[in-house]
Amino acid sequence: EGEKYLELFGLTGKVNLADAELSNANDALKNGQIDGFVTAGSWPA
């Protein structure tokens, strides 16, 4: 879904996509390796 939205809103190729598993998102965010992440699930996630 996240990939679809990037395409819909003209962001394909303009966002750097990190090559990692979503389970590593919080550590990568803390370390500044990524600026953000996309996740889908029930809220609060």
All heavy atoms as atom14 arrays in JSON, in Angstrom:
{
  "sequence": "EGEKYLELFGLTGKVNLADAELSNANDALKNGQIDGFVTAGSWPA",
  "atom14_mask": [
    [1, 1, 1, 1, 1, 1, 1, 1, 1, 0, 0, 0, 0, 0],
    [1, 1, 1, 1, 0, 0, 0, 0, 0, 0, 0, 0, 0, 0],
    [1, 1, 1, 1, 1, 1, 1, 1, 1, 0, 0, 0, 0, 0],
    [1, 1, 1, 1, 1, 1, 1, 1, 1, 0, 0, 0, 0, 0],
    [1, 1, 1, 1, 1, 1, 1, 1, 1, 1, 1, 1, 0, 0],
    [1, 1, 1, 1, 1, 1, 1, 1, 0, 0, 0, 0, 0, 0],
    [1, 1, 1, 1, 1, 1, 1, 1, 1, 0, 0, 0, 0, 0],
    [1, 1, 1, 1, 1, 1, 1, 1, 0, 0, 0, 0, 0, 0],
    [1, 1, 1, 1, 1, 1, 1, 1, 1, 1, 1, 0, 0, 0],
    [1, 1, 1, 1, 0, 0, 0, 0, 0, 0, 0, 0, 0, 0],
    [1, 1, 1, 1, 1, 1, 1, 1, 0, 0, 0, 0, 0, 0],
    [1, 1, 1, 1, 1, 1, 1, 0, 0, 0, 0, 0, 0, 0],
    [1, 1, 1, 1, 0, 0, 0, 0, 0, 0, 0, 0, 0, 0],
    [1, 1, 1, 1, 1, 1, 1, 1, 1, 0, 0, 0, 0, 0],
    [1, 1, 1, 1, 1, 1, 1, 0, 0, 0, 0, 0, 0, 0],
    [1, 1, 1, 1, 1, 1, 1, 1, 0, 0, 0, 0, 0, 0],
    [1, 1, 1, 1, 1, 1, 1, 1, 0, 0, 0, 0, 0, 0],
    [1, 1, 1, 1, 1, 0, 0, 0, 0, 0, 0, 0, 0, 0],
    [1, 1, 1, 1, 1, 1, 1, 1, 0, 0, 0, 0, 0, 0],
    [1, 1, 1, 1, 1, 0, 0, 0, 0, 0, 0, 0, 0, 0],
    [1, 1, 1, 1, 1, 1, 1, 1, 1, 0, 0, 0, 0, 0],
    [1, 1, 1, 1, 1, 1, 1, 1, 0, 0, 0, 0, 0, 0],
    [1, 1, 1, 1, 1, 1, 0, 0, 0, 0, 0, 0, 0, 0],
    [1, 1, 1, 1, 1, 1, 1, 1, 0, 0, 0, 0, 0, 0],
    [1, 1, 1, 1, 1, 0, 0, 0, 0, 0, 0, 0, 0, 0],
    [1, 1, 1, 1, 1, 1, 1, 1, 0, 0, 0, 0, 0, 0],
    [1, 1, 1, 1, 1, 1, 1, 1, 0, 0, 0, 0, 0, 0],
    [1, 1, 1, 1, 1, 0, 0, 0, 0, 0, 0, 0, 0, 0],
    [1, 1, 1, 1, 1, 1, 1, 1, 0, 0, 0, 0, 0, 0],
    [1, 1, 1, 1, 1, 1, 1, 1, 1, 0, 0, 0, 0, 0],
    [1, 1, 1, 1, 1, 1, 1, 1, 0, 0, 0, 0, 0, 0],
    [1, 1, 1, 1, 0, 0, 0, 0, 0, 0, 0, 0, 0, 0],
    [1, 1, 1, 1, 1, 1, 1, 1, 1, 0, 0, 0, 0, 0],
    [1, 1, 1, 1, 1, 1, 1, 1, 0, 0, 0, 0, 0, 0],
    [1, 1, 1, 1, 1, 1, 1, 1, 0, 0, 0, 0, 0, 0],
    [1, 1, 1, 1, 0, 0, 0, 0, 0, 0, 0, 0, 0, 0],
    [1, 1, 1, 1, 1, 1, 1, 1, 1, 1, 1, 0, 0, 0],
    [1, 1, 1, 1, 1, 1, 1, 0, 0, 0, 0, 0, 0, 0],
    [1, 1, 1, 1, 1, 1, 1, 0, 0, 0, 0, 0, 0, 0],
    [1, 1, 1, 1, 1, 0, 0, 0, 0, 0, 0, 0, 0, 0],
    [1, 1, 1, 1, 0, 0, 0, 0, 0, 0, 0, 0, 0, 0],
    [1, 1, 1, 1, 1, 1, 0, 0, 0, 0, 0, 0, 0, 0],
    [1, 1, 1, 1, 1, 1, 1, 1, 1, 1, 1, 1, 1, 1],
    [1, 1, 1, 1, 1, 1, 1, 0, 0, 0, 0, 0, 0, 0],
    [1, 1, 1, 1, 1, 0, 0, 0, 0, 0, 0, 0, 0, 0]
  ],
  "atom14_positions": [
    [[0.83, -1.21, 0.0], [0.0, 0.0, 0.0], [0.86, 1.25, 0.0], [0.58, 2.23, -0.7], [-0.92, -0.02, 1.24], [-2.07, 0.94, 1.16], [-3.24, 0.47, 0.31], [-3.09, -0.53, -0.42], [-4.29, 1.1, 0.38], [0.0, 0.0, 0.0], [0.0, 0.0, 0.0], [0.0, 0.0, 0.0], [0.0, 0.0, 0.0], [0.0, 0.0, 0.0]],
    [[1.94, 1.24, 0.79], [2.84, 2.39, 0.85], [3.46, 2.68, -0.5], [3.55, 3.84, -0.93], [0.0, 0.0, 0.0], [0.0, 0.0, 0.0], [0.0, 0.0, 0.0], [0.0, 0.0, 0.0], [0.0, 0.0, 0.0], [0.0, 0.0, 0.0], [0.0, 0.0, 0.0], [0.0, 0.0, 0.0], [0.0, 0.0, 0.0], [0.0, 0.0, 0.0]],
    [[3.87, 1.63, -1.2], [4.45, 1.79, -2.53], [3.42, 2.37, -3.5], [3.73, 3.23, -4.34], [4.96, 0.44, -3.03], [5.82, 0.52, -4.28], [6.45, -0.81, -4.63], [6.36, -1.76, -3.82], [7.04, -0.9, -5.72], [0.0, 0.0, 0.0], [0.0, 0.0, 0.0], [0.0, 0.0, 0.0], [0.0, 0.0, 0.0], [0.0, 0.0, 0.0]],
    [[2.19, 1.91, -3.37], [1.11, 2.41, -4.23], [0.89, 3.91, -4.0], [0.71, 4.68, -4.95], [-0.18, 1.64, -3.93], [-1.37, 2.08, -4.79], [-2.62, 1.29, -4.43], [-3.47, 2.05, -3.42], [-4.78, 1.4, -3.19], [0.0, 0.0, 0.0], [0.0, 0.0, 0.0], [0.0, 0.0, 0.0], [0.0, 0.0, 0.0], [0.0, 0.0, 0.0]],
    [[0.94, 4.34, -2.74], [0.7, 5.75, -2.42], [1.83, 6.63, -2.95], [1.59, 7.74, -3.41], [0.56, 5.95, -0.92], [-0.72, 5.4, -0.32], [-1.49, 4.45, -1.02], [-1.17, 5.78, 0.93], [-2.65, 3.92, -0.47], [-2.33, 5.27, 1.47], [-3.07, 4.34, 0.77], [-4.22, 3.82, 1.3], [0.0, 0.0, 0.0], [0.0, 0.0, 0.0]],
    [[3.06, 6.14, -2.88], [4.18, 6.91, -3.42], [3.97, 7.17, -4.91], [4.23, 8.28, -5.41], [5.5, 6.18, -3.18], [5.97, 6.03, -1.73], [7.32, 5.33, -1.69], [6.04, 7.37, -1.01], [0.0, 0.0, 0.0], [0.0, 0.0, 0.0], [0.0, 0.0, 0.0], [0.0, 0.0, 0.0], [0.0, 0.0, 0.0], [0.0, 0.0, 0.0]],
    [[3.49, 6.14, -5.6], [3.23, 6.3, -7.03], [2.07, 7.25, -7.28], [2.13, 8.14, -8.15], [2.95, 4.94, -7.67], [2.75, 5.0, -9.17], [2.59, 3.62, -9.8], [2.81, 2.62, -9.1], [2.22, 3.57, -10.99], [0.0, 0.0, 0.0], [0.0, 0.0, 0.0], [0.0, 0.0, 0.0], [0.0, 0.0, 0.0], [0.0, 0.0, 0.0]],
    [[0.98, 7.09, -6.5], [-0.19, 7.93, -6.66], [0.12, 9.41, -6.5], [-0.43, 10.26, -7.22], [-1.26, 7.54, -5.63], [-2.21, 6.39, -5.95], [-3.11, 6.12, -4.77], [-3.04, 6.7, -7.19], [0.0, 0.0, 0.0], [0.0, 0.0, 0.0], [0.0, 0.0, 0.0], [0.0, 0.0, 0.0], [0.0, 0.0, 0.0], [0.0, 0.0, 0.0]],
    [[1.0, 9.71, -5.56], [1.25, 11.11, -5.21], [2.56, 11.65, -5.78], [3.12, 12.63, -5.3], [1.21, 11.28, -3.69], [-0.08, 10.76, -3.09], [-0.06, 9.91, -1.99], [-1.3, 11.08, -3.65], [-1.24, 9.42, -1.45], [-2.49, 10.59, -3.11], [-2.46, 9.75, -2.02], [0.0, 0.0, 0.0], [0.0, 0.0, 0.0], [0.0, 0.0, 0.0]],
    [[3.06, 10.98, -6.83], [4.2, 11.49, -7.57], [5.52, 11.43, -6.82], [6.42, 12.23, -7.07], [0.0, 0.0, 0.0], [0.0, 0.0, 0.0], [0.0, 0.0, 0.0], [0.0, 0.0, 0.0], [0.0, 0.0, 0.0], [0.0, 0.0, 0.0], [0.0, 0.0, 0.0], [0.0, 0.0, 0.0], [0.0, 0.0, 0.0], [0.0, 0.0, 0.0]],
    [[5.66, 10.46, -5.91], [6.87, 10.38, -5.1], [7.77, 9.19, -5.47], [8.83, 9.01, -4.88], [6.5, 10.29, -3.61], [5.88, 11.56, -3.0], [5.28, 11.27, -1.64], [6.92, 12.67, -2.9], [0.0, 0.0, 0.0], [0.0, 0.0, 0.0], [0.0, 0.0, 0.0], [0.0, 0.0, 0.0], [0.0, 0.0, 0.0], [0.0, 0.0, 0.0]],
    [[7.34, 8.4, -6.44], [8.17, 7.28, -6.87], [9.51, 7.78, -7.4], [9.57, 8.68, -8.24], [7.47, 6.47, -7.97], [6.22, 5.97, -7.46], [8.31, 5.29, -8.41], [0.0, 0.0, 0.0], [0.0, 0.0, 0.0], [0.0, 0.0, 0.0], [0.0, 0.0, 0.0], [0.0, 0.0, 0.0], [0.0, 0.0, 0.0], [0.0, 0.0, 0.0]],
    [[10.6, 7.23, -6.87], [11.93, 7.65, -7.28], [12.42, 8.9, -6.58], [13.6, 9.27, -6.72], [0.0, 0.0, 0.0], [0.0, 0.0, 0.0], [0.0, 0.0, 0.0], [0.0, 0.0, 0.0], [0.0, 0.0, 0.0], [0.0, 0.0, 0.0], [0.0, 0.0, 0.0], [0.0, 0.0, 0.0], [0.0, 0.0, 0.0], [0.0, 0.0, 0.0]],
    [[11.54, 9.54, -5.82], [11.92, 10.76, -5.11], [12.12, 10.52, -3.61], [12.58, 11.39, -2.9], [10.85, 11.85, -5.31], [10.68, 12.27, -6.76], [9.57, 13.3, -6.91], [9.37, 13.69, -8.37], [8.27, 14.68, -8.53], [0.0, 0.0, 0.0], [0.0, 0.0, 0.0], [0.0, 0.0, 0.0], [0.0, 0.0, 0.0], [0.0, 0.0, 0.0]],
    [[11.74, 9.33, -3.18], [11.93, 8.93, -1.79], [12.95, 7.8, -1.77], [12.85, 6.85, -2.56], [10.6, 8.47, -1.15], [10.84, 7.91, 0.25], [9.59, 9.6, -1.11], [0.0, 0.0, 0.0], [0.0, 0.0, 0.0], [0.0, 0.0, 0.0], [0.0, 0.0, 0.0], [0.0, 0.0, 0.0], [0.0, 0.0, 0.0], [0.0, 0.0, 0.0]],
    [[13.93, 7.88, -0.9], [14.93, 6.83, -0.78], [14.35, 5.69, 0.06], [14.01, 5.89, 1.23], [16.2, 7.37, -0.1], [16.78, 8.55, -0.86], [16.87, 8.54, -2.08], [17.15, 9.6, -0.12], [0.0, 0.0, 0.0], [0.0, 0.0, 0.0], [0.0, 0.0, 0.0], [0.0, 0.0, 0.0], [0.0, 0.0, 0.0], [0.0, 0.0, 0.0]],
    [[14.24, 4.52, -0.54], [13.64, 3.39, 0.17], [14.73, 2.55, 0.83], [15.63, 2.06, 0.16], [12.83, 2.53, -0.8], [11.65, 3.24, -1.49], [10.93, 2.28, -2.42], [10.69, 3.81, -0.45], [0.0, 0.0, 0.0], [0.0, 0.0, 0.0], [0.0, 0.0, 0.0], [0.0, 0.0, 0.0], [0.0, 0.0, 0.0], [0.0, 0.0, 0.0]],
    [[14.62, 2.42, 2.14], [15.6, 1.65, 2.9], [15.38, 0.16, 2.66], [14.25, -0.32, 2.63], [15.47, 1.96, 4.38], [0.0, 0.0, 0.0], [0.0, 0.0, 0.0], [0.0, 0.0, 0.0], [0.0, 0.0, 0.0], [0.0, 0.0, 0.0], [0.0, 0.0, 0.0], [0.0, 0.0, 0.0], [0.0, 0.0, 0.0], [0.0, 0.0, 0.0]],
    [[16.47, -0.58, 2.52], [16.41, -2.02, 2.29], [16.58, -2.73, 3.63], [17.69, -3.13, 4.01], [17.5, -2.44, 1.31], [17.41, -3.92, 0.96], [16.34, -4.52, 1.2], [18.41, -4.48, 0.47], [0.0, 0.0, 0.0], [0.0, 0.0, 0.0], [0.0, 0.0, 0.0], [0.0, 0.0, 0.0], [0.0, 0.0, 0.0], [0.0, 0.0, 0.0]],
    [[15.49, -2.88, 4.34], [15.53, -3.53, 5.66], [14.14, -4.03, 6.0], [13.15, -3.68, 5.36], [16.02, -2.53, 6.71], [0.0, 0.0, 0.0], [0.0, 0.0, 0.0], [0.0, 0.0, 0.0], [0.0, 0.0, 0.0], [0.0, 0.0, 0.0], [0.0, 0.0, 0.0], [0.0, 0.0, 0.0], [0.0, 0.0, 0.0], [0.0, 0.0, 0.0]],
    [[14.05, -4.87, 7.01], [12.78, -5.39, 7.49], [12.11, -4.36, 8.39], [12.78, -3.61, 9.1], [12.98, -6.69, 8.25], [13.56, -7.82, 7.42], [12.62, -8.28, 6.32], [11.39, -8.12, 6.49], [13.11, -8.79, 5.3], [0.0, 0.0, 0.0], [0.0, 0.0, 0.0], [0.0, 0.0, 0.0], [0.0, 0.0, 0.0], [0.0, 0.0, 0.0]],
    [[10.79, -4.36, 8.38], [10.04, -3.4, 9.2], [10.31, -3.59, 10.69], [10.23, -2.64, 11.47], [8.55, -3.53, 8.91], [7.64, -2.43, 9.48], [8.02, -1.07, 8.92], [6.18, -2.75, 9.17], [0.0, 0.0, 0.0], [0.0, 0.0, 0.0], [0.0, 0.0, 0.0], [0.0, 0.0, 0.0], [0.0, 0.0, 0.0], [0.0, 0.0, 0.0]],
    [[10.67, -4.8, 11.08], [10.96, -5.07, 12.5], [12.16, -4.26, 12.99], [12.34, -4.08, 14.19], [11.22, -6.56, 12.71], [12.28, -7.02, 11.87], [0.0, 0.0, 0.0], [0.0, 0.0, 0.0], [0.0, 0.0, 0.0], [0.0, 0.0, 0.0], [0.0, 0.0, 0.0], [0.0, 0.0, 0.0], [0.0, 0.0, 0.0], [0.0, 0.0, 0.0]],
    [[12.98, -3.77, 12.07], [14.15, -2.97, 12.45], [13.88, -1.47, 12.42], [14.79, -0.67, 12.63], [15.32, -3.26, 11.48], [15.74, -4.72, 11.51], [15.73, -5.34, 12.57], [16.09, -5.26, 10.36], [0.0, 0.0, 0.0], [0.0, 0.0, 0.0], [0.0, 0.0, 0.0], [0.0, 0.0, 0.0], [0.0, 0.0, 0.0], [0.0, 0.0, 0.0]],
    [[12.63, -1.08, 12.16], [12.32, 0.33, 11.93], [12.66, 1.23, 13.11], [13.26, 2.29, 12.94], [10.84, 0.47, 11.58], [0.0, 0.0, 0.0], [0.0, 0.0, 0.0], [0.0, 0.0, 0.0], [0.0, 0.0, 0.0], [0.0, 0.0, 0.0], [0.0, 0.0, 0.0], [0.0, 0.0, 0.0], [0.0, 0.0, 0.0], [0.0, 0.0, 0.0]],
    [[12.31, 0.82, 14.32], [12.53, 1.7, 15.47], [14.0, 1.92, 15.76], [14.42, 3.05, 16.04], [11.8, 1.16, 16.71], [10.35, 1.6, 16.75], [10.05, 2.79, 16.63], [9.45, 0.66, 16.88], [0.0, 0.0, 0.0], [0.0, 0.0, 0.0], [0.0, 0.0, 0.0], [0.0, 0.0, 0.0], [0.0, 0.0, 0.0], [0.0, 0.0, 0.0]],
    [[14.79, 0.86, 15.66], [16.23, 1.02, 15.88], [16.84, 1.92, 14.81], [17.66, 2.79, 15.1], [16.93, -0.35, 15.86], [16.66, -1.16, 17.12], [16.3, -0.54, 18.14], [16.8, -2.4, 17.07], [0.0, 0.0, 0.0], [0.0, 0.0, 0.0], [0.0, 0.0, 0.0], [0.0, 0.0, 0.0], [0.0, 0.0, 0.0], [0.0, 0.0, 0.0]],
    [[16.41, 1.71, 13.56], [16.94, 2.53, 12.46], [16.53, 3.99, 12.61], [17.3, 4.9, 12.28], [16.44, 1.98, 11.13], [0.0, 0.0, 0.0], [0.0, 0.0, 0.0], [0.0, 0.0, 0.0], [0.0, 0.0, 0.0], [0.0, 0.0, 0.0], [0.0, 0.0, 0.0], [0.0, 0.0, 0.0], [0.0, 0.0, 0.0], [0.0, 0.0, 0.0]],
    [[15.33, 4.21, 13.13], [14.85, 5.58, 13.34], [15.66, 6.26, 14.44], [16.08, 7.42, 14.3], [13.36, 5.56, 13.7], [12.58, 6.85, 13.51], [12.49, 7.21, 12.03], [11.16, 6.7, 14.1], [0.0, 0.0, 0.0], [0.0, 0.0, 0.0], [0.0, 0.0, 0.0], [0.0, 0.0, 0.0], [0.0, 0.0, 0.0], [0.0, 0.0, 0.0]],
    [[15.9, 5.54, 15.53], [16.69, 6.1, 16.64], [18.11, 6.44, 16.2], [18.67, 7.46, 16.62], [16.77, 5.07, 17.79], [15.51, 4.9, 18.59], [15.73, 3.82, 19.66], [14.44, 3.42, 20.31], [14.65, 2.3, 21.27], [0.0, 0.0, 0.0], [0.0, 0.0, 0.0], [0.0, 0.0, 0.0], [0.0, 0.0, 0.0], [0.0, 0.0, 0.0]],
    [[18.68, 5.58, 15.37], [20.07, 5.77, 14.94], [20.21, 6.77, 13.8], [21.33, 7.02, 13.34], [20.67, 4.42, 14.5], [20.72, 3.42, 15.65], [20.78, 3.81, 16.8], [20.67, 2.14, 15.32], [0.0, 0.0, 0.0], [0.0, 0.0, 0.0], [0.0, 0.0, 0.0], [0.0, 0.0, 0.0], [0.0, 0.0, 0.0], [0.0, 0.0, 0.0]],
    [[19.09, 7.28, 13.31], [19.14, 8.24, 12.21], [19.41, 7.61, 10.85], [19.7, 8.31, 9.89], [0.0, 0.0, 0.0], [0.0, 0.0, 0.0], [0.0, 0.0, 0.0], [0.0, 0.0, 0.0], [0.0, 0.0, 0.0], [0.0, 0.0, 0.0], [0.0, 0.0, 0.0], [0.0, 0.0, 0.0], [0.0, 0.0, 0.0], [0.0, 0.0, 0.0]],
    [[19.31, 6.28, 10.77], [19.53, 5.61, 9.49], [18.37, 5.84, 8.52], [18.54, 5.77, 7.31], [19.74, 4.12, 9.71], [21.01, 3.78, 10.49], [21.04, 2.31, 10.89], [20.22, 1.84, 11.68], [21.98, 1.58, 10.31], [0.0, 0.0, 0.0], [0.0, 0.0, 0.0], [0.0, 0.0, 0.0], [0.0, 0.0, 0.0], [0.0, 0.0, 0.0]],
    [[17.19, 6.07, 9.07], [16.02, 6.38, 8.26], [15.33, 7.6, 8.85], [15.53, 7.95, 10.02], [15.01, 5.2, 8.21], [14.51, 4.85, 9.61], [15.63, 3.98, 7.53], [13.39, 3.81, 9.63], [0.0, 0.0, 0.0], [0.0, 0.0, 0.0], [0.0, 0.0, 0.0], [0.0, 0.0, 0.0], [0.0, 0.0, 0.0], [0.0, 0.0, 0.0]],
    [[14.52, 8.25, 8.01], [13.74, 9.41, 8.47], [12.33, 9.01, 8.87], [11.64, 9.78, 9.54], [13.68, 10.46, 7.35], [15.05, 10.99, 6.97], [15.71, 11.56, 7.85], [15.45, 10.81, 5.8], [0.0, 0.0, 0.0], [0.0, 0.0, 0.0], [0.0, 0.0, 0.0], [0.0, 0.0, 0.0], [0.0, 0.0, 0.0], [0.0, 0.0, 0.0]],
    [[11.9, 7.84, 8.43], [10.55, 7.42, 8.75], [10.27, 6.02, 8.26], [11.12, 5.38, 7.62], [0.0, 0.0, 0.0], [0.0, 0.0, 0.0], [0.0, 0.0, 0.0], [0.0, 0.0, 0.0], [0.0, 0.0, 0.0], [0.0, 0.0, 0.0], [0.0, 0.0, 0.0], [0.0, 0.0, 0.0], [0.0, 0.0, 0.0], [0.0, 0.0, 0.0]],
    [[9.09, 5.54, 8.57], [8.68, 4.22, 8.1], [7.17, 4.2, 7.88], [6.43, 5.05, 8.4], [9.11, 3.11, 9.06], [8.5, 3.18, 10.45], [7.3, 2.52, 10.74], [9.14, 3.88, 11.47], [6.76, 2.56, 12.02], [8.6, 3.93, 12.75], [7.41, 3.27, 13.03], [0.0, 0.0, 0.0], [0.0, 0.0, 0.0], [0.0, 0.0, 0.0]],
    [[6.74, 3.23, 7.09], [5.32, 3.06, 6.8], [4.88, 1.71, 7.36], [5.55, 0.7, 7.14], [5.05, 3.12, 5.29], [3.56, 2.9, 4.99], [5.52, 4.46, 4.71], [0.0, 0.0, 0.0], [0.0, 0.0, 0.0], [0.0, 0.0, 0.0], [0.0, 0.0, 0.0], [0.0, 0.0, 0.0], [0.0, 0.0, 0.0], [0.0, 0.0, 0.0]],
    [[3.78, 1.71, 8.08], [3.3, 0.46, 8.66], [1.78, 0.43, 8.61], [1.13, 1.48, 8.62], [3.8, 0.3, 10.11], [3.43, -0.99, 10.61], [3.21, 1.36, 11.03], [0.0, 0.0, 0.0], [0.0, 0.0, 0.0], [0.0, 0.0, 0.0], [0.0, 0.0, 0.0], [0.0, 0.0, 0.0], [0.0, 0.0, 0.0], [0.0, 0.0, 0.0]],
    [[1.21, -0.75, 8.53], [-0.24, -0.91, 8.55], [-0.61, -1.94, 9.6], [0.01, -2.99, 9.7], [-0.75, -1.35, 7.18], [0.0, 0.0, 0.0], [0.0, 0.0, 0.0], [0.0, 0.0, 0.0], [0.0, 0.0, 0.0], [0.0, 0.0, 0.0], [0.0, 0.0, 0.0], [0.0, 0.0, 0.0], [0.0, 0.0, 0.0], [0.0, 0.0, 0.0]],
    [[-1.61, -1.62, 10.37], [-2.08, -2.54, 11.4], [-3.17, -1.85, 12.19], [-3.58, -0.73, 11.87], [0.0, 0.0, 0.0], [0.0, 0.0, 0.0], [0.0, 0.0, 0.0], [0.0, 0.0, 0.0], [0.0, 0.0, 0.0], [0.0, 0.0, 0.0], [0.0, 0.0, 0.0], [0.0, 0.0, 0.0], [0.0, 0.0, 0.0], [0.0, 0.0, 0.0]],
    [[-3.67, -2.53, 13.18], [-4.68, -1.91, 14.03], [-4.05, -0.76, 14.8], [-2.85, -0.74, 15.05], [-5.23, -2.95, 15.0], [-4.14, -3.53, 15.7], [0.0, 0.0, 0.0], [0.0, 0.0, 0.0], [0.0, 0.0, 0.0], [0.0, 0.0, 0.0], [0.0, 0.0, 0.0], [0.0, 0.0, 0.0], [0.0, 0.0, 0.0], [0.0, 0.0, 0.0]],
    [[-4.89, 0.21, 15.16], [-4.35, 1.31, 15.97], [-4.93, 1.2, 17.39], [-6.04, 0.71, 17.55], [-4.67, 2.67, 15.34], [-6.13, 3.02, 15.27], [-7.02, 2.79, 14.26], [-6.91, 3.65, 16.3], [-8.27, 3.22, 14.57], [-8.24, 3.76, 15.82], [-6.62, 4.14, 17.58], [-9.28, 4.32, 16.58], [-7.66, 4.7, 18.34], [-8.96, 4.8, 17.83]],
    [[-4.16, 1.63, 18.39], [-2.78, 2.12, 18.31], [-1.81, 1.0, 17.99], [-1.88, -0.09, 18.57], [-2.52, 2.69, 19.71], [-3.48, 1.97, 20.6], [-4.68, 1.66, 19.77], [0.0, 0.0, 0.0], [0.0, 0.0, 0.0], [0.0, 0.0, 0.0], [0.0, 0.0, 0.0], [0.0, 0.0, 0.0], [0.0, 0.0, 0.0], [0.0, 0.0, 0.0]],
    [[-0.89, 1.27, 17.05], [0.08, 0.27, 16.6], [1.25, 0.22, 17.56], [1.84, 1.26, 17.87], [0.57, 0.63, 15.2], [0.0, 0.0, 0.0], [0.0, 0.0, 0.0], [0.0, 0.0, 0.0], [0.0, 0.0, 0.0], [0.0, 0.0, 0.0], [0.0, 0.0, 0.0], [0.0, 0.0, 0.0], [0.0, 0.0, 0.0], [0.0, 0.0, 0.0]]
  ]
}
